[in-house]
Amino acid sequence: MEKKRIAVLVSGGGTNLQALLDAQKSGIISHGEIVLVIASNSKAYALERAKQNGVEAMVIGRKRYASDEAFEQAMLDTLESHRIDLVVLAGYLSYVGNRLTQAYEKRILNIHPSLIPSFCGKGFYGLKVHEAALSYGVKVTGATVHFVNEIFDGGQIVLQKAVEVLPGDTPELLQRRVMEQAEWKILPQAVEMFCAGEIGPNA
């Protein structure tokens, strides 16, 4: 059976990309293969991770384009020319517009570092999510994998995993625990579910 072709979109260090690459090596992801990494900026360490793993990597930055439309067209052209079946947003901080979400309906997965619908939507990303969880005083947080649609963090939920908030947690400590206990587990799991045909447009 031909493996599904996966593109991972990144903006920073690429820890979730690494979790996916490791899951591919260990056989957790067996029905798909990461064939392309696209970074929103040239400083993203995720590009280095891609290189070290022999995965094609490139930068498509919004600032290089005169309009959102031109930027989205460049993304679409790249994904289509690489025959991408699944797009994974792994700490990707650029906006994904309607043309992309429509062209890849139920074929874009995102990982969000909270239990949606808590602490999600516009402006909630990275440490800001964990700062909000701590300031609200929740005892349980976690991570969510969901399909991406035109609403910020509004697509269908695929998987969630809860993580305990501990006394003395800082946003940084909580972020690390959510990554280790939730994000790095459920993101590879959801990707394999898609590639095996359990979720997605044809499931």
N, C-alpha and C. Protein backbone atom coordinates (compact mmCIF):
# COMPACT_ATOMS: atom_id res chain seq x y z
N MET A 1 0.84 -1.20 0.00
CA MET A 1 0.00 0.00 0.00
C MET A 1 0.87 1.25 0.00
N GLU A 2 0.50 2.19 -0.84
CA GLU A 2 1.28 3.42 -0.93
C GLU A 2 1.05 4.29 0.31
N LYS A 3 2.15 4.79 0.86
CA LYS A 3 2.03 5.61 2.07
C LYS A 3 1.50 7.00 1.73
N LYS A 4 0.75 7.56 2.67
CA LYS A 4 0.27 8.93 2.51
C LYS A 4 1.45 9.90 2.63
N ARG A 5 1.42 10.94 1.82
CA ARG A 5 2.51 11.90 1.80
C ARG A 5 2.16 13.08 2.71
N ILE A 6 3.03 13.36 3.67
CA ILE A 6 2.75 14.34 4.72
C ILE A 6 3.67 15.55 4.59
N ALA A 7 3.07 16.74 4.74
CA ALA A 7 3.86 17.99 4.86
C ALA A 7 3.64 18.52 6.27
N VAL A 8 4.73 18.92 6.93
CA VAL A 8 4.63 19.49 8.27
C VAL A 8 5.00 20.97 8.20
N LEU A 9 4.11 21.82 8.72
CA LEU A 9 4.34 23.27 8.71
C LEU A 9 4.80 23.72 10.09
N VAL A 10 5.88 24.49 10.14
CA VAL A 10 6.54 24.82 11.40
C VAL A 10 6.91 26.31 11.44
N SER A 11 7.14 26.80 12.66
CA SER A 11 7.61 28.18 12.81
C SER A 11 8.79 28.31 13.77
N GLY A 12 9.03 27.27 14.56
CA GLY A 12 10.04 27.42 15.62
C GLY A 12 10.98 26.25 15.74
N GLY A 13 11.12 25.76 16.96
CA GLY A 13 12.11 24.73 17.28
C GLY A 13 11.83 23.37 16.68
N GLY A 14 10.56 23.09 16.45
CA GLY A 14 10.21 21.83 15.79
C GLY A 14 10.18 20.62 16.70
N THR A 15 9.82 20.80 17.98
CA THR A 15 9.76 19.64 18.88
C THR A 15 8.65 18.68 18.46
N ASN A 16 7.52 19.21 18.00
CA ASN A 16 6.45 18.32 17.52
C ASN A 16 6.83 17.64 16.21
N LEU A 17 7.58 18.34 15.36
CA LEU A 17 8.11 17.71 14.15
C LEU A 17 9.01 16.54 14.54
N GLN A 18 9.86 16.75 15.55
CA GLN A 18 10.76 15.69 16.01
C GLN A 18 9.97 14.49 16.52
N ALA A 19 8.89 14.77 17.25
CA ALA A 19 8.04 13.68 17.75
C ALA A 19 7.45 12.87 16.60
N LEU A 20 7.09 13.57 15.52
CA LEU A 20 6.55 12.88 14.34
C LEU A 20 7.62 12.07 13.63
N LEU A 21 8.80 12.64 13.48
CA LEU A 21 9.91 11.92 12.85
C LEU A 21 10.28 10.67 13.65
N ASP A 22 10.30 10.83 14.98
CA ASP A 22 10.62 9.68 15.86
C ASP A 22 9.53 8.61 15.75
N ALA A 23 8.27 9.05 15.67
CA ALA A 23 7.16 8.10 15.57
C ALA A 23 7.20 7.35 14.23
N GLN A 24 7.68 8.02 13.21
CA GLN A 24 7.84 7.38 11.90
C GLN A 24 8.91 6.30 11.98
N LYS A 25 10.02 6.66 12.65
CA LYS A 25 11.14 5.70 12.78
C LYS A 25 10.74 4.48 13.61
N SER A 26 9.95 4.72 14.66
CA SER A 26 9.60 3.62 15.57
C SER A 26 8.43 2.78 15.07
N GLY A 27 7.78 3.26 13.99
CA GLY A 27 6.68 2.49 13.42
C GLY A 27 5.31 2.87 13.93
N ILE A 28 5.24 3.87 14.82
CA ILE A 28 3.92 4.36 15.28
C ILE A 28 3.18 4.94 14.08
N ILE A 29 3.91 5.70 13.26
CA ILE A 29 3.35 6.15 11.97
C ILE A 29 3.89 5.20 10.90
N SER A 30 3.02 4.31 10.44
CA SER A 30 3.47 3.31 9.47
C SER A 30 2.79 3.46 8.11
N HIS A 31 1.66 4.20 8.08
CA HIS A 31 0.93 4.35 6.83
C HIS A 31 1.21 5.69 6.14
N GLY A 32 2.13 6.49 6.70
CA GLY A 32 2.45 7.78 6.13
C GLY A 32 3.93 8.09 6.20
N GLU A 33 4.34 9.07 5.39
CA GLU A 33 5.75 9.47 5.38
C GLU A 33 5.85 10.99 5.25
N ILE A 34 6.68 11.58 6.11
CA ILE A 34 6.91 13.03 6.03
C ILE A 34 7.85 13.28 4.85
N VAL A 35 7.34 13.97 3.84
CA VAL A 35 8.14 14.20 2.63
C VAL A 35 8.54 15.67 2.49
N LEU A 36 7.93 16.56 3.31
CA LEU A 36 8.20 17.98 3.15
C LEU A 36 7.99 18.71 4.47
N VAL A 37 8.91 19.63 4.79
CA VAL A 37 8.75 20.53 5.93
C VAL A 37 8.77 21.96 5.38
N ILE A 38 7.75 22.74 5.73
CA ILE A 38 7.68 24.14 5.31
C ILE A 38 7.74 25.02 6.55
N ALA A 39 8.72 25.93 6.59
CA ALA A 39 8.85 26.85 7.73
C ALA A 39 8.38 28.24 7.33
N SER A 40 7.81 28.95 8.31
CA SER A 40 7.34 30.31 8.04
C SER A 40 8.48 31.32 8.09
N ASN A 41 9.64 30.89 8.62
CA ASN A 41 10.80 31.78 8.65
C ASN A 41 12.09 30.97 8.59
N SER A 42 13.15 31.60 8.12
CA SER A 42 14.41 30.89 7.88
C SER A 42 15.17 30.56 9.17
N LYS A 43 14.75 31.16 10.30
CA LYS A 43 15.45 30.92 11.56
C LYS A 43 14.90 29.71 12.33
N ALA A 44 13.83 29.12 11.83
CA ALA A 44 13.21 27.99 12.53
C ALA A 44 14.18 26.82 12.62
N TYR A 45 14.44 26.37 13.84
CA TYR A 45 15.37 25.23 14.02
C TYR A 45 14.79 23.94 13.42
N ALA A 46 13.49 23.94 13.25
CA ALA A 46 12.83 22.78 12.63
C ALA A 46 13.44 22.46 11.26
N LEU A 47 13.93 23.48 10.54
CA LEU A 47 14.56 23.25 9.24
C LEU A 47 15.79 22.35 9.38
N GLU A 48 16.53 22.58 10.45
CA GLU A 48 17.72 21.77 10.74
C GLU A 48 17.32 20.33 11.06
N ARG A 49 16.24 20.17 11.82
CA ARG A 49 15.76 18.82 12.15
C ARG A 49 15.37 18.07 10.87
N ALA A 50 14.73 18.78 9.95
CA ALA A 50 14.34 18.16 8.68
C ALA A 50 15.59 17.70 7.92
N LYS A 51 16.57 18.59 7.86
CA LYS A 51 17.82 18.28 7.14
C LYS A 51 18.50 17.05 7.72
N GLN A 52 18.56 17.01 9.06
CA GLN A 52 19.22 15.88 9.73
C GLN A 52 18.51 14.56 9.46
N ASN A 53 17.23 14.64 9.11
CA ASN A 53 16.45 13.42 8.86
C ASN A 53 16.21 13.17 7.38
N GLY A 54 16.91 13.95 6.54
CA GLY A 54 16.81 13.73 5.10
C GLY A 54 15.48 14.09 4.49
N VAL A 55 14.77 15.04 5.13
CA VAL A 55 13.46 15.47 4.62
C VAL A 55 13.63 16.82 3.92
N GLU A 56 13.04 16.94 2.75
CA GLU A 56 13.10 18.21 2.02
C GLU A 56 12.47 19.32 2.86
N ALA A 57 13.16 20.47 2.93
CA ALA A 57 12.64 21.58 3.73
C ALA A 57 12.78 22.88 2.95
N MET A 58 11.82 23.78 3.18
CA MET A 58 11.87 25.08 2.50
C MET A 58 11.19 26.13 3.37
N VAL A 59 11.44 27.38 3.02
CA VAL A 59 10.83 28.50 3.73
C VAL A 59 9.83 29.18 2.81
N ILE A 60 8.59 29.31 3.28
CA ILE A 60 7.60 30.12 2.57
C ILE A 60 7.08 31.13 3.60
N GLY A 61 7.61 32.33 3.56
CA GLY A 61 7.27 33.35 4.55
C GLY A 61 6.25 34.34 3.99
N ARG A 62 5.30 34.68 4.82
CA ARG A 62 4.23 35.61 4.39
C ARG A 62 4.80 36.94 3.89
N LYS A 63 5.87 37.41 4.52
CA LYS A 63 6.42 38.74 4.19
C LYS A 63 6.97 38.83 2.76
N ARG A 64 7.26 37.68 2.18
CA ARG A 64 7.80 37.68 0.82
C ARG A 64 6.74 37.97 -0.24
N TYR A 65 5.47 37.95 0.18
CA TYR A 65 4.38 38.05 -0.80
C TYR A 65 3.59 39.34 -0.60
N ALA A 66 3.10 39.87 -1.72
CA ALA A 66 2.41 41.16 -1.69
C ALA A 66 1.05 41.08 -1.02
N SER A 67 0.45 39.89 -1.02
CA SER A 67 -0.89 39.75 -0.46
C SER A 67 -1.06 38.37 0.16
N ASP A 68 -2.11 38.23 0.98
CA ASP A 68 -2.45 36.92 1.54
C ASP A 68 -2.76 35.93 0.42
N GLU A 69 -3.41 36.43 -0.62
CA GLU A 69 -3.79 35.56 -1.74
C GLU A 69 -2.55 34.97 -2.42
N ALA A 70 -1.54 35.82 -2.65
CA ALA A 70 -0.31 35.35 -3.30
C ALA A 70 0.43 34.35 -2.41
N PHE A 71 0.43 34.62 -1.11
CA PHE A 71 1.06 33.71 -0.14
C PHE A 71 0.35 32.35 -0.14
N GLU A 72 -0.97 32.39 -0.08
CA GLU A 72 -1.73 31.13 -0.06
C GLU A 72 -1.55 30.36 -1.36
N GLN A 73 -1.48 31.09 -2.47
CA GLN A 73 -1.29 30.41 -3.76
C GLN A 73 0.06 29.71 -3.80
N ALA A 74 1.08 30.37 -3.27
CA ALA A 74 2.42 29.76 -3.21
C ALA A 74 2.39 28.49 -2.37
N MET A 75 1.66 28.53 -1.23
CA MET A 75 1.53 27.35 -0.39
C MET A 75 0.81 26.22 -1.13
N LEU A 76 -0.31 26.58 -1.74
CA LEU A 76 -1.10 25.58 -2.47
C LEU A 76 -0.29 24.94 -3.60
N ASP A 77 0.41 25.78 -4.36
CA ASP A 77 1.22 25.27 -5.48
C ASP A 77 2.27 24.29 -4.97
N THR A 78 2.90 24.64 -3.84
CA THR A 78 3.95 23.78 -3.28
C THR A 78 3.37 22.45 -2.80
N LEU A 79 2.26 22.51 -2.08
CA LEU A 79 1.64 21.28 -1.56
C LEU A 79 1.17 20.39 -2.71
N GLU A 80 0.61 21.01 -3.74
CA GLU A 80 0.10 20.22 -4.86
C GLU A 80 1.23 19.61 -5.69
N SER A 81 2.31 20.39 -5.87
CA SER A 81 3.43 19.87 -6.66
C SER A 81 4.14 18.71 -5.94
N HIS A 82 4.01 18.67 -4.61
CA HIS A 82 4.59 17.56 -3.84
C HIS A 82 3.57 16.45 -3.56
N ARG A 83 2.38 16.57 -4.18
CA ARG A 83 1.31 15.56 -4.03
C ARG A 83 1.04 15.24 -2.56
N ILE A 84 0.83 16.28 -1.77
CA ILE A 84 0.64 16.12 -0.33
C ILE A 84 -0.78 15.65 -0.02
N ASP A 85 -0.88 14.60 0.80
CA ASP A 85 -2.18 14.08 1.23
C ASP A 85 -2.64 14.70 2.55
N LEU A 86 -1.69 14.97 3.43
CA LEU A 86 -2.01 15.47 4.77
C LEU A 86 -1.06 16.60 5.15
N VAL A 87 -1.63 17.69 5.65
CA VAL A 87 -0.84 18.82 6.16
C VAL A 87 -0.94 18.82 7.68
N VAL A 88 0.20 18.88 8.36
CA VAL A 88 0.21 18.92 9.82
C VAL A 88 0.81 20.24 10.28
N LEU A 89 0.04 20.99 11.08
CA LEU A 89 0.55 22.24 11.66
C LEU A 89 1.17 21.89 13.00
N ALA A 90 2.49 22.05 13.09
CA ALA A 90 3.22 21.67 14.31
C ALA A 90 3.92 22.91 14.85
N GLY A 91 3.17 23.71 15.61
CA GLY A 91 3.74 24.96 16.10
C GLY A 91 3.90 25.96 14.97
N TYR A 92 2.91 25.99 14.09
CA TYR A 92 2.94 26.88 12.93
C TYR A 92 2.16 28.14 13.27
N LEU A 93 2.82 29.30 13.23
CA LEU A 93 2.22 30.53 13.74
C LEU A 93 1.67 31.47 12.66
N SER A 94 1.80 31.08 11.40
CA SER A 94 1.19 31.89 10.34
C SER A 94 -0.28 31.50 10.19
N TYR A 95 -1.08 32.45 9.73
CA TYR A 95 -2.51 32.18 9.55
C TYR A 95 -2.73 31.27 8.35
N VAL A 96 -3.59 30.29 8.53
CA VAL A 96 -3.96 29.40 7.43
C VAL A 96 -5.31 29.88 6.90
N GLY A 97 -5.30 30.39 5.69
CA GLY A 97 -6.49 31.04 5.14
C GLY A 97 -7.51 30.09 4.53
N ASN A 98 -8.63 30.67 4.11
CA ASN A 98 -9.76 29.87 3.63
C ASN A 98 -9.46 29.04 2.39
N ARG A 99 -8.61 29.57 1.51
CA ARG A 99 -8.33 28.80 0.29
C ARG A 99 -7.63 27.49 0.62
N LEU A 100 -6.72 27.57 1.58
CA LEU A 100 -6.02 26.35 2.01
C LEU A 100 -6.96 25.39 2.72
N THR A 101 -7.76 25.93 3.66
CA THR A 101 -8.64 25.05 4.42
C THR A 101 -9.70 24.40 3.53
N GLN A 102 -10.12 25.12 2.48
CA GLN A 102 -11.10 24.54 1.56
C GLN A 102 -10.47 23.51 0.64
N ALA A 103 -9.27 23.81 0.14
CA ALA A 103 -8.59 22.88 -0.76
C ALA A 103 -8.19 21.60 -0.03
N TYR A 104 -7.91 21.74 1.26
CA TYR A 104 -7.46 20.58 2.05
C TYR A 104 -8.44 20.29 3.19
N GLU A 105 -9.73 20.36 2.87
CA GLU A 105 -10.75 20.12 3.89
C GLU A 105 -10.58 18.74 4.51
N LYS A 106 -10.56 18.70 5.85
CA LYS A 106 -10.35 17.46 6.62
C LYS A 106 -9.03 16.79 6.26
N ARG A 107 -8.08 17.59 5.78
CA ARG A 107 -6.74 17.06 5.48
C ARG A 107 -5.65 17.92 6.11
N ILE A 108 -6.06 18.81 7.04
CA ILE A 108 -5.09 19.61 7.80
C ILE A 108 -5.33 19.34 9.29
N LEU A 109 -4.29 18.85 9.97
CA LEU A 109 -4.37 18.61 11.41
C LEU A 109 -3.54 19.64 12.15
N ASN A 110 -4.04 20.07 13.30
CA ASN A 110 -3.30 21.00 14.16
C ASN A 110 -3.24 20.44 15.57
N ILE A 111 -2.14 20.73 16.27
CA ILE A 111 -2.03 20.40 17.69
C ILE A 111 -2.12 21.71 18.47
N HIS A 112 -3.02 21.72 19.47
CA HIS A 112 -3.19 22.91 20.31
C HIS A 112 -2.92 22.54 21.76
N PRO A 113 -2.15 23.37 22.49
CA PRO A 113 -1.72 22.98 23.84
C PRO A 113 -2.71 23.28 24.96
N SER A 114 -3.98 22.94 24.73
CA SER A 114 -4.98 23.00 25.80
C SER A 114 -6.10 22.04 25.42
N LEU A 115 -7.04 21.86 26.35
CA LEU A 115 -8.22 21.05 26.06
C LEU A 115 -9.28 21.98 25.46
N ILE A 116 -9.33 22.04 24.15
CA ILE A 116 -10.32 22.87 23.47
C ILE A 116 -11.71 22.43 23.95
N PRO A 117 -12.63 23.34 24.30
CA PRO A 117 -12.68 24.76 23.97
C PRO A 117 -12.03 25.70 24.98
N SER A 118 -11.29 25.21 25.94
CA SER A 118 -10.60 26.11 26.87
C SER A 118 -9.35 26.71 26.23
N PHE A 119 -9.09 27.97 26.50
CA PHE A 119 -7.82 28.63 26.15
C PHE A 119 -7.44 28.41 24.68
N CYS A 120 -8.37 28.74 23.81
CA CYS A 120 -8.09 28.57 22.38
C CYS A 120 -8.66 29.75 21.62
N GLY A 121 -8.42 29.78 20.34
CA GLY A 121 -8.88 30.88 19.50
C GLY A 121 -7.76 31.88 19.25
N LYS A 122 -8.12 33.00 18.68
CA LYS A 122 -7.13 34.00 18.26
C LYS A 122 -6.32 34.49 19.45
N GLY A 123 -5.02 34.52 19.29
CA GLY A 123 -4.13 35.05 20.33
C GLY A 123 -3.65 34.00 21.33
N PHE A 124 -4.27 32.83 21.31
CA PHE A 124 -3.83 31.77 22.23
C PHE A 124 -2.86 30.83 21.51
N TYR A 125 -1.58 31.03 21.77
CA TYR A 125 -0.57 30.14 21.19
C TYR A 125 0.64 30.13 22.13
N GLY A 126 1.45 29.07 22.00
CA GLY A 126 2.69 28.98 22.78
C GLY A 126 2.46 29.13 24.27
N LEU A 127 3.35 29.86 24.91
CA LEU A 127 3.29 30.04 26.36
C LEU A 127 2.03 30.76 26.82
N LYS A 128 1.44 31.57 25.93
CA LYS A 128 0.23 32.33 26.32
C LYS A 128 -0.89 31.40 26.79
N VAL A 129 -0.97 30.24 26.18
CA VAL A 129 -2.01 29.26 26.55
C VAL A 129 -1.79 28.80 27.99
N HIS A 130 -0.54 28.49 28.32
CA HIS A 130 -0.22 27.97 29.66
C HIS A 130 -0.32 29.07 30.72
N GLU A 131 0.05 30.28 30.34
CA GLU A 131 -0.12 31.42 31.26
C GLU A 131 -1.60 31.60 31.61
N ALA A 132 -2.45 31.49 30.60
CA ALA A 132 -3.89 31.64 30.82
C ALA A 132 -4.44 30.53 31.70
N ALA A 133 -3.99 29.30 31.46
CA ALA A 133 -4.45 28.16 32.26
C ALA A 133 -4.07 28.34 33.73
N LEU A 134 -2.84 28.79 33.96
CA LEU A 134 -2.37 28.98 35.34
C LEU A 134 -3.09 30.15 36.01
N SER A 135 -3.28 31.23 35.28
CA SER A 135 -3.93 32.40 35.90
C SER A 135 -5.40 32.11 36.19
N TYR A 136 -6.01 31.22 35.42
CA TYR A 136 -7.40 30.85 35.65
C TYR A 136 -7.53 29.87 36.82
N GLY A 137 -6.42 29.15 37.08
CA GLY A 137 -6.42 28.22 38.21
C GLY A 137 -6.95 26.83 37.91
N VAL A 138 -6.95 26.44 36.64
CA VAL A 138 -7.44 25.09 36.32
C VAL A 138 -6.53 24.03 36.93
N LYS A 139 -7.10 22.88 37.26
CA LYS A 139 -6.33 21.77 37.85
C LYS A 139 -5.90 20.77 36.78
N VAL A 140 -6.56 20.84 35.64
CA VAL A 140 -6.27 19.92 34.54
C VAL A 140 -6.20 20.73 33.25
N THR A 141 -5.17 20.48 32.46
CA THR A 141 -5.08 21.06 31.12
C THR A 141 -4.75 19.90 30.18
N GLY A 142 -4.11 20.17 29.07
CA GLY A 142 -3.79 19.08 28.16
C GLY A 142 -3.53 19.57 26.76
N ALA A 143 -3.80 18.70 25.79
CA ALA A 143 -3.59 19.06 24.38
C ALA A 143 -4.71 18.47 23.54
N THR A 144 -4.93 19.08 22.39
CA THR A 144 -5.99 18.69 21.47
C THR A 144 -5.43 18.62 20.05
N VAL A 145 -5.74 17.54 19.34
CA VAL A 145 -5.50 17.50 17.90
C VAL A 145 -6.86 17.68 17.22
N HIS A 146 -6.91 18.61 16.27
CA HIS A 146 -8.18 18.87 15.59
C HIS A 146 -7.93 19.16 14.11
N PHE A 147 -8.97 18.95 13.32
CA PHE A 147 -8.91 19.36 11.93
C PHE A 147 -8.99 20.88 11.87
N VAL A 148 -8.37 21.46 10.87
CA VAL A 148 -8.34 22.91 10.71
C VAL A 148 -9.42 23.34 9.72
N ASN A 149 -10.24 24.30 10.16
CA ASN A 149 -11.18 24.92 9.23
C ASN A 149 -10.99 26.43 9.29
N GLU A 150 -11.99 27.19 8.80
CA GLU A 150 -11.79 28.64 8.69
C GLU A 150 -11.89 29.35 10.05
N ILE A 151 -12.31 28.63 11.11
CA ILE A 151 -12.42 29.23 12.44
C ILE A 151 -11.19 28.85 13.27
N PHE A 152 -10.57 29.84 13.92
CA PHE A 152 -9.40 29.59 14.75
C PHE A 152 -9.69 28.48 15.76
N ASP A 153 -8.95 27.39 15.72
CA ASP A 153 -9.11 26.27 16.67
C ASP A 153 -10.54 25.76 16.69
N GLY A 154 -11.25 25.90 15.57
CA GLY A 154 -12.68 25.57 15.56
C GLY A 154 -13.04 24.29 14.85
N GLY A 155 -12.06 23.60 14.28
CA GLY A 155 -12.35 22.38 13.52
C GLY A 155 -12.66 21.19 14.42
N GLN A 156 -13.14 20.13 13.79
CA GLN A 156 -13.53 18.91 14.51
C GLN A 156 -12.37 18.35 15.34
N ILE A 157 -12.67 18.02 16.61
CA ILE A 157 -11.65 17.46 17.50
C ILE A 157 -11.41 15.99 17.14
N VAL A 158 -10.14 15.61 17.07
CA VAL A 158 -9.76 14.23 16.74
C VAL A 158 -9.35 13.48 18.01
N LEU A 159 -8.42 14.05 18.76
CA LEU A 159 -7.94 13.43 19.99
C LEU A 159 -7.67 14.49 21.05
N GLN A 160 -7.86 14.12 22.31
CA GLN A 160 -7.47 14.99 23.43
C GLN A 160 -6.79 14.13 24.50
N LYS A 161 -5.87 14.77 25.23
CA LYS A 161 -5.25 14.07 26.36
C LYS A 161 -5.07 15.07 27.49
N ALA A 162 -5.51 14.67 28.67
CA ALA A 162 -5.45 15.55 29.83
C ALA A 162 -4.10 15.44 30.53
N VAL A 163 -3.67 16.55 31.11
CA VAL A 163 -2.41 16.63 31.87
C VAL A 163 -2.69 17.40 33.16
N GLU A 164 -2.19 16.88 34.26
CA GLU A 164 -2.43 17.52 35.56
C GLU A 164 -1.61 18.79 35.69
N VAL A 165 -2.21 19.81 36.29
CA VAL A 165 -1.48 21.03 36.66
C VAL A 165 -1.01 20.84 38.09
N LEU A 166 0.27 21.06 38.33
CA LEU A 166 0.85 20.79 39.65
C LEU A 166 1.12 22.08 40.41
N PRO A 167 1.11 22.02 41.75
CA PRO A 167 1.46 23.21 42.54
C PRO A 167 2.86 23.68 42.18
N GLY A 168 3.02 24.98 42.07
CA GLY A 168 4.35 25.52 41.75
C GLY A 168 4.68 25.55 40.27
N ASP A 169 3.72 25.15 39.43
CA ASP A 169 3.96 25.17 37.98
C ASP A 169 4.19 26.60 37.48
N THR A 170 5.16 26.74 36.62
CA THR A 170 5.34 27.98 35.84
C THR A 170 4.81 27.67 34.43
N PRO A 171 4.54 28.70 33.61
CA PRO A 171 4.12 28.42 32.24
C PRO A 171 5.10 27.51 31.50
N GLU A 172 6.41 27.71 31.76
CA GLU A 172 7.44 26.91 31.07
C GLU A 172 7.39 25.44 31.50
N LEU A 173 7.23 25.22 32.82
CA LEU A 173 7.15 23.84 33.33
C LEU A 173 5.90 23.14 32.78
N LEU A 174 4.80 23.86 32.79
CA LEU A 174 3.55 23.29 32.32
C LEU A 174 3.62 23.00 30.82
N GLN A 175 4.21 23.92 30.08
CA GLN A 175 4.36 23.72 28.64
C GLN A 175 5.13 22.44 28.35
N ARG A 176 6.21 22.23 29.08
CA ARG A 176 7.04 21.03 28.88
C ARG A 176 6.25 19.75 29.19
N ARG A 177 5.51 19.79 30.30
CA ARG A 177 4.75 18.60 30.70
C ARG A 177 3.66 18.28 29.68
N VAL A 178 2.99 19.32 29.19
CA VAL A 178 1.93 19.11 28.19
C VAL A 178 2.53 18.53 26.90
N MET A 179 3.70 19.03 26.52
CA MET A 179 4.37 18.47 25.34
C MET A 179 4.68 16.99 25.53
N GLU A 180 5.36 16.69 26.65
CA GLU A 180 5.85 15.32 26.87
C GLU A 180 4.72 14.33 27.08
N GLN A 181 3.71 14.74 27.87
CA GLN A 181 2.67 13.79 28.25
C GLN A 181 1.50 13.75 27.26
N ALA A 182 1.33 14.81 26.49
CA ALA A 182 0.16 14.86 25.60
C ALA A 182 0.52 15.08 24.13
N GLU A 183 1.12 16.23 23.83
CA GLU A 183 1.33 16.59 22.42
C GLU A 183 2.11 15.53 21.65
N TRP A 184 3.24 15.11 22.22
CA TRP A 184 4.11 14.19 21.48
C TRP A 184 3.53 12.80 21.37
N LYS A 185 2.44 12.52 22.09
CA LYS A 185 1.77 11.22 22.00
C LYS A 185 0.59 11.27 21.03
N ILE A 186 -0.28 12.31 21.22
CA ILE A 186 -1.52 12.27 20.42
C ILE A 186 -1.35 12.79 19.00
N LEU A 187 -0.34 13.63 18.76
CA LEU A 187 -0.14 14.10 17.38
C LEU A 187 0.28 12.96 16.46
N PRO A 188 1.31 12.17 16.81
CA PRO A 188 1.64 11.03 15.95
C PRO A 188 0.48 10.04 15.79
N GLN A 189 -0.25 9.85 16.89
CA GLN A 189 -1.40 8.93 16.88
C GLN A 189 -2.46 9.40 15.87
N ALA A 190 -2.76 10.71 15.90
CA ALA A 190 -3.77 11.26 14.98
C ALA A 190 -3.29 11.19 13.53
N VAL A 191 -2.01 11.44 13.31
CA VAL A 191 -1.45 11.37 11.95
C VAL A 191 -1.57 9.94 11.41
N GLU A 192 -1.26 8.95 12.24
CA GLU A 192 -1.39 7.56 11.80
C GLU A 192 -2.86 7.20 11.54
N MET A 193 -3.75 7.70 12.39
CA MET A 193 -5.19 7.45 12.17
C MET A 193 -5.63 7.97 10.81
N PHE A 194 -5.15 9.17 10.45
CA PHE A 194 -5.48 9.75 9.14
C PHE A 194 -4.90 8.89 8.03
N CYS A 195 -3.63 8.58 8.15
CA CYS A 195 -2.93 7.85 7.08
C CYS A 195 -3.49 6.44 6.89
N ALA A 196 -4.03 5.87 7.96
CA ALA A 196 -4.63 4.52 7.89
C ALA A 196 -6.10 4.57 7.44
N GLY A 197 -6.60 5.80 7.21
CA GLY A 197 -7.97 5.95 6.71
C GLY A 197 -9.06 5.93 7.76
N GLU A 198 -8.67 6.04 9.05
CA GLU A 198 -9.67 5.99 10.13
C GLU A 198 -10.38 7.34 10.29
N ILE A 199 -9.69 8.43 9.94
CA ILE A 199 -10.30 9.76 9.98
C ILE A 199 -9.95 10.46 8.67
N GLY A 200 -10.65 11.56 8.39
CA GLY A 200 -10.34 12.30 7.16
C GLY A 200 -11.54 12.34 6.23
N PRO A 201 -11.33 12.87 5.04
CA PRO A 201 -12.46 13.11 4.12
C PRO A 201 -13.16 11.82 3.67
N ASN A 202 -12.42 10.72 3.62
CA ASN A 202 -13.02 9.48 3.10
C ASN A 202 -13.36 8.47 4.20
N ALA A 203 -13.17 8.87 5.46
CA ALA A 203 -13.40 7.91 6.55
C ALA A 203 -14.89 7.73 6.80
